[in-house]
N, C-alpha and C. Protein backbone atom coordinates (compact mmCIF):
# COMPACT_ATOMS: atom_id res chain seq x y z
N MET A 1 17.22 35.30 -33.36
CA MET A 1 15.88 35.28 -33.95
C MET A 1 14.91 36.24 -33.33
N ALA A 2 14.31 37.05 -34.10
CA ALA A 2 13.30 38.09 -33.67
C ALA A 2 12.17 37.45 -33.04
N ARG A 3 11.62 37.94 -31.89
CA ARG A 3 10.40 37.49 -31.40
C ARG A 3 9.16 38.24 -32.00
N ARG A 4 8.04 37.58 -31.88
CA ARG A 4 6.77 38.15 -32.50
C ARG A 4 6.17 39.12 -31.36
N LEU A 5 5.81 40.28 -31.96
CA LEU A 5 5.26 41.27 -30.97
C LEU A 5 3.78 41.02 -30.93
N VAL A 6 3.24 41.00 -29.76
CA VAL A 6 1.76 40.90 -29.54
C VAL A 6 1.29 42.14 -28.88
N VAL A 7 0.58 43.04 -29.59
CA VAL A 7 0.14 44.33 -29.10
C VAL A 7 -1.18 44.17 -28.50
N GLN A 8 -1.44 44.27 -27.19
CA GLN A 8 -2.60 44.16 -26.58
C GLN A 8 -3.55 45.22 -26.98
N PRO A 9 -4.84 44.96 -26.98
CA PRO A 9 -5.87 45.86 -27.45
C PRO A 9 -5.89 47.29 -26.82
N GLN A 10 -5.51 47.20 -25.59
CA GLN A 10 -5.45 48.68 -24.80
C GLN A 10 -4.19 49.32 -25.34
N SER A 11 -3.24 48.55 -25.61
CA SER A 11 -2.02 49.30 -26.15
C SER A 11 -2.16 49.83 -27.59
N ASP A 12 -3.10 49.17 -28.29
CA ASP A 12 -3.44 49.71 -29.57
C ASP A 12 -4.21 50.89 -29.44
N LEU A 13 -5.06 50.94 -28.54
CA LEU A 13 -5.86 52.24 -28.30
C LEU A 13 -4.90 53.35 -27.82
N ASP A 14 -3.80 53.01 -27.06
CA ASP A 14 -2.95 54.05 -26.70
C ASP A 14 -2.30 54.62 -27.82
N ILE A 15 -1.80 53.82 -28.77
CA ILE A 15 -1.15 54.22 -29.99
C ILE A 15 -2.06 55.08 -30.87
N GLN A 16 -3.30 54.58 -31.06
CA GLN A 16 -4.19 55.42 -31.90
C GLN A 16 -4.50 56.85 -31.16
N ALA A 17 -4.56 56.91 -29.97
CA ALA A 17 -4.88 58.20 -29.31
C ALA A 17 -3.59 59.11 -29.45
N ALA A 18 -2.48 58.63 -29.25
CA ALA A 18 -1.34 59.40 -29.36
C ALA A 18 -1.07 59.85 -30.83
N THR A 19 -1.23 58.94 -31.79
CA THR A 19 -1.12 59.33 -33.20
C THR A 19 -2.11 60.41 -33.60
N LEU A 20 -3.35 60.32 -33.13
CA LEU A 20 -4.37 61.33 -33.47
C LEU A 20 -3.96 62.64 -32.85
N TRP A 21 -3.62 62.62 -31.66
CA TRP A 21 -3.21 63.84 -30.92
C TRP A 21 -2.02 64.60 -31.67
N TYR A 22 -1.08 63.83 -32.01
CA TYR A 22 0.13 64.48 -32.78
C TYR A 22 -0.32 64.94 -34.14
N GLU A 23 -1.11 64.15 -34.78
CA GLU A 23 -1.55 64.66 -36.05
C GLU A 23 -2.35 65.94 -36.06
N ASP A 24 -3.08 66.10 -34.97
CA ASP A 24 -3.85 67.29 -34.65
C ASP A 24 -2.92 68.45 -34.45
N GLN A 25 -1.77 68.23 -33.95
CA GLN A 25 -0.90 69.28 -33.58
C GLN A 25 -0.23 69.81 -34.80
N LYS A 26 0.20 68.89 -35.69
CA LYS A 26 0.92 69.26 -36.82
C LYS A 26 0.77 68.15 -37.99
N PRO A 27 0.49 68.54 -39.08
CA PRO A 27 0.38 67.48 -40.16
C PRO A 27 1.61 66.60 -40.25
N ARG A 28 1.49 65.35 -40.39
CA ARG A 28 2.48 64.29 -40.51
C ARG A 28 3.21 64.14 -39.22
N LEU A 29 2.94 64.75 -38.09
CA LEU A 29 3.66 64.49 -36.90
C LEU A 29 3.04 63.11 -36.29
N GLY A 30 1.89 62.84 -36.59
CA GLY A 30 1.38 61.52 -36.19
C GLY A 30 2.18 60.34 -36.85
N VAL A 31 2.39 60.56 -38.12
CA VAL A 31 3.14 59.61 -38.91
C VAL A 31 4.63 59.45 -38.41
N ASP A 32 5.19 60.57 -38.02
CA ASP A 32 6.49 60.50 -37.48
C ASP A 32 6.51 59.70 -36.13
N PHE A 33 5.45 59.90 -35.30
CA PHE A 33 5.31 59.12 -34.09
C PHE A 33 5.33 57.68 -34.47
N LEU A 34 4.46 57.33 -35.30
CA LEU A 34 4.24 55.97 -35.73
C LEU A 34 5.57 55.35 -36.25
N ASN A 35 6.31 56.11 -36.93
CA ASN A 35 7.56 55.55 -37.59
C ASN A 35 8.63 55.38 -36.53
N GLU A 36 8.68 56.18 -35.45
CA GLU A 36 9.61 56.12 -34.34
C GLU A 36 9.15 54.84 -33.56
N LEU A 37 7.85 54.78 -33.41
CA LEU A 37 7.32 53.54 -32.54
C LEU A 37 7.65 52.28 -33.26
N GLU A 38 7.59 52.25 -34.54
CA GLU A 38 7.91 51.09 -35.36
C GLU A 38 9.35 50.68 -35.19
N ARG A 39 10.22 51.69 -35.21
CA ARG A 39 11.65 51.48 -35.02
C ARG A 39 11.91 50.84 -33.56
N VAL A 40 11.27 51.41 -32.53
CA VAL A 40 11.35 50.85 -31.14
C VAL A 40 10.85 49.39 -31.13
N PHE A 41 9.78 49.18 -31.69
CA PHE A 41 9.19 47.79 -31.81
C PHE A 41 10.09 46.84 -32.50
N GLN A 42 10.75 47.31 -33.46
CA GLN A 42 11.90 46.43 -34.13
C GLN A 42 13.00 46.12 -33.17
N ARG A 43 13.39 47.14 -32.50
CA ARG A 43 14.50 46.91 -31.48
C ARG A 43 14.10 46.05 -30.41
N ILE A 44 12.80 46.06 -30.00
CA ILE A 44 12.37 45.25 -28.89
C ILE A 44 12.37 43.79 -29.45
N SER A 45 11.64 43.58 -30.70
CA SER A 45 11.62 42.28 -31.22
C SER A 45 12.94 41.60 -31.40
N GLU A 46 13.94 42.36 -31.80
CA GLU A 46 15.34 41.81 -32.03
C GLU A 46 15.99 41.45 -30.79
N ASN A 47 15.91 42.41 -29.70
CA ASN A 47 16.67 42.08 -28.46
C ASN A 47 15.97 42.68 -27.33
N PRO A 48 14.91 42.13 -26.82
CA PRO A 48 14.06 42.63 -25.70
C PRO A 48 14.89 42.85 -24.41
N GLN A 49 15.95 41.97 -24.25
CA GLN A 49 16.62 42.02 -22.94
C GLN A 49 17.52 43.27 -22.93
N GLN A 50 17.71 44.07 -24.06
CA GLN A 50 18.52 45.26 -23.89
C GLN A 50 17.93 46.43 -23.16
N PHE A 51 16.64 46.25 -22.84
CA PHE A 51 15.82 47.32 -22.16
C PHE A 51 15.71 47.11 -20.65
N PRO A 52 15.77 48.12 -19.89
CA PRO A 52 15.77 47.93 -18.47
C PRO A 52 14.47 47.32 -17.94
N GLN A 53 14.63 46.45 -16.91
CA GLN A 53 13.55 45.86 -16.20
C GLN A 53 13.04 46.83 -15.15
N LEU A 54 11.77 47.05 -15.22
CA LEU A 54 11.14 48.01 -14.17
C LEU A 54 10.61 47.30 -12.92
N GLU A 55 9.90 46.26 -13.13
CA GLU A 55 9.28 45.51 -12.10
C GLU A 55 9.12 44.04 -12.41
N HIS A 56 9.68 43.17 -11.76
CA HIS A 56 9.55 41.75 -12.08
C HIS A 56 10.05 41.48 -13.49
N THR A 57 9.02 41.26 -14.30
CA THR A 57 9.42 40.96 -15.71
C THR A 57 8.98 41.95 -16.78
N VAL A 58 8.43 43.11 -16.33
CA VAL A 58 8.08 44.21 -17.17
C VAL A 58 9.33 45.01 -17.53
N ARG A 59 9.52 45.30 -18.70
CA ARG A 59 10.53 46.11 -19.26
C ARG A 59 10.02 47.47 -19.97
N ARG A 60 10.78 48.35 -20.13
CA ARG A 60 10.46 49.71 -20.83
C ARG A 60 11.46 50.12 -21.87
N ALA A 61 10.89 50.40 -23.00
CA ALA A 61 11.68 51.02 -24.10
C ALA A 61 11.14 52.44 -24.26
N LEU A 62 12.17 53.42 -24.40
CA LEU A 62 11.82 54.76 -24.57
C LEU A 62 11.86 55.16 -26.12
N LEU A 63 10.91 56.04 -26.45
CA LEU A 63 11.13 56.63 -27.76
C LEU A 63 12.05 57.91 -27.67
N HIS A 64 12.76 58.21 -28.61
CA HIS A 64 13.73 59.44 -28.45
C HIS A 64 13.09 60.80 -28.61
N ARG A 65 12.31 60.85 -29.71
CA ARG A 65 11.78 62.11 -30.03
C ARG A 65 10.49 62.53 -29.23
N PHE A 66 9.80 61.44 -28.92
CA PHE A 66 8.42 61.65 -28.21
C PHE A 66 8.52 61.15 -26.81
N PRO A 67 7.91 61.87 -25.84
CA PRO A 67 7.88 61.42 -24.43
C PRO A 67 7.09 60.21 -24.19
N TYR A 68 7.33 59.14 -24.82
CA TYR A 68 6.51 57.93 -24.62
C TYR A 68 7.36 56.79 -24.24
N GLY A 69 6.89 55.87 -23.49
CA GLY A 69 7.50 54.49 -23.19
C GLY A 69 6.69 53.37 -23.59
N VAL A 70 7.35 52.41 -24.01
CA VAL A 70 6.65 51.08 -24.41
C VAL A 70 6.92 50.07 -23.32
N TYR A 71 5.87 49.62 -22.62
CA TYR A 71 6.01 48.68 -21.52
C TYR A 71 5.64 47.27 -22.11
N PHE A 72 6.54 46.31 -21.77
CA PHE A 72 6.27 44.95 -22.26
C PHE A 72 6.80 43.91 -21.39
N LEU A 73 6.34 42.69 -21.75
CA LEU A 73 6.67 41.45 -21.08
C LEU A 73 7.26 40.56 -22.17
N VAL A 74 8.50 39.84 -21.78
CA VAL A 74 9.16 39.01 -22.59
C VAL A 74 8.77 37.60 -22.23
N GLU A 75 8.15 36.91 -23.32
CA GLU A 75 7.69 35.51 -23.00
C GLU A 75 8.52 34.54 -23.84
N ALA A 76 8.30 33.33 -23.78
CA ALA A 76 9.15 32.31 -24.47
C ALA A 76 9.34 32.60 -25.94
N GLN A 77 8.34 32.74 -26.63
CA GLN A 77 8.33 33.01 -28.20
C GLN A 77 7.99 34.46 -28.58
N ASP A 78 7.25 35.19 -27.63
CA ASP A 78 6.67 36.43 -27.96
C ASP A 78 7.04 37.55 -27.10
N VAL A 79 6.84 38.80 -27.44
CA VAL A 79 6.78 39.90 -26.55
C VAL A 79 5.48 40.53 -26.46
N LYS A 80 4.95 40.69 -25.28
CA LYS A 80 3.57 41.18 -25.13
C LYS A 80 3.67 42.63 -24.79
N ILE A 81 3.17 43.55 -25.65
CA ILE A 81 3.16 45.01 -25.43
C ILE A 81 1.94 45.35 -24.60
N LEU A 82 2.28 45.73 -23.36
CA LEU A 82 1.42 46.05 -22.34
C LEU A 82 0.71 47.45 -22.55
N ALA A 83 1.55 48.42 -22.73
CA ALA A 83 1.13 49.79 -22.88
C ALA A 83 2.08 50.71 -23.67
N VAL A 84 1.63 51.75 -24.33
CA VAL A 84 2.36 52.73 -25.00
C VAL A 84 2.02 54.07 -24.31
N LEU A 85 2.73 54.56 -23.33
CA LEU A 85 2.17 55.72 -22.51
C LEU A 85 2.99 56.85 -22.50
N HIS A 86 2.42 58.05 -22.31
CA HIS A 86 3.22 59.26 -22.18
C HIS A 86 3.86 59.27 -20.81
N LEU A 87 5.07 59.59 -20.81
CA LEU A 87 5.81 59.51 -19.60
C LEU A 87 5.51 60.58 -18.46
N HIS A 88 4.90 61.58 -18.83
CA HIS A 88 4.49 62.55 -17.86
C HIS A 88 3.08 62.62 -17.53
N ARG A 89 2.21 61.84 -18.09
CA ARG A 89 0.79 61.77 -17.84
C ARG A 89 0.53 60.66 -16.86
N ALA A 90 0.56 59.42 -17.31
CA ALA A 90 0.14 58.30 -16.56
C ALA A 90 1.11 57.15 -16.64
N PRO A 91 2.49 57.44 -16.23
CA PRO A 91 3.48 56.38 -16.57
C PRO A 91 3.29 55.06 -15.84
N ASP A 92 2.42 55.07 -14.66
CA ASP A 92 2.33 53.82 -13.95
C ASP A 92 1.08 53.04 -14.36
N MET A 93 0.35 53.53 -15.35
CA MET A 93 -0.91 52.82 -15.72
C MET A 93 -0.61 51.38 -16.19
N TRP A 94 0.62 51.15 -16.69
CA TRP A 94 0.95 49.83 -17.27
C TRP A 94 0.75 48.74 -16.23
N SER A 95 0.93 49.13 -14.95
CA SER A 95 0.90 48.15 -13.85
C SER A 95 -0.37 47.39 -13.84
N SER A 96 -1.42 48.00 -14.11
CA SER A 96 -2.86 47.42 -14.03
C SER A 96 -3.10 46.49 -15.29
N ARG A 97 -2.11 46.52 -16.28
CA ARG A 97 -2.40 45.65 -17.44
C ARG A 97 -1.63 44.35 -17.56
N LYS A 98 -0.89 44.13 -16.50
CA LYS A 98 -0.11 42.82 -16.50
C LYS A 98 -0.94 41.63 -16.47
């Protein structure tokens, strides 16, 4: 059974900022980013345990085309999305969001 994803407000801001930045670089690139992120969210929802654990209970899923990681916690019924971050800019920012 797929778990419900709960995107934290700060994670939503991460997603919006990345989408706008990619869209400014090239038309429809922001849409491509969102589509890939949606596929990763689906994989996380279906089987969150497939992704490596970074620290304690925090796991990370990587996007393939874009240098972003999705940091999340697996809870009893839900998966809490802590951050969607560029891997080369501030990859440790997620630790302050637990």
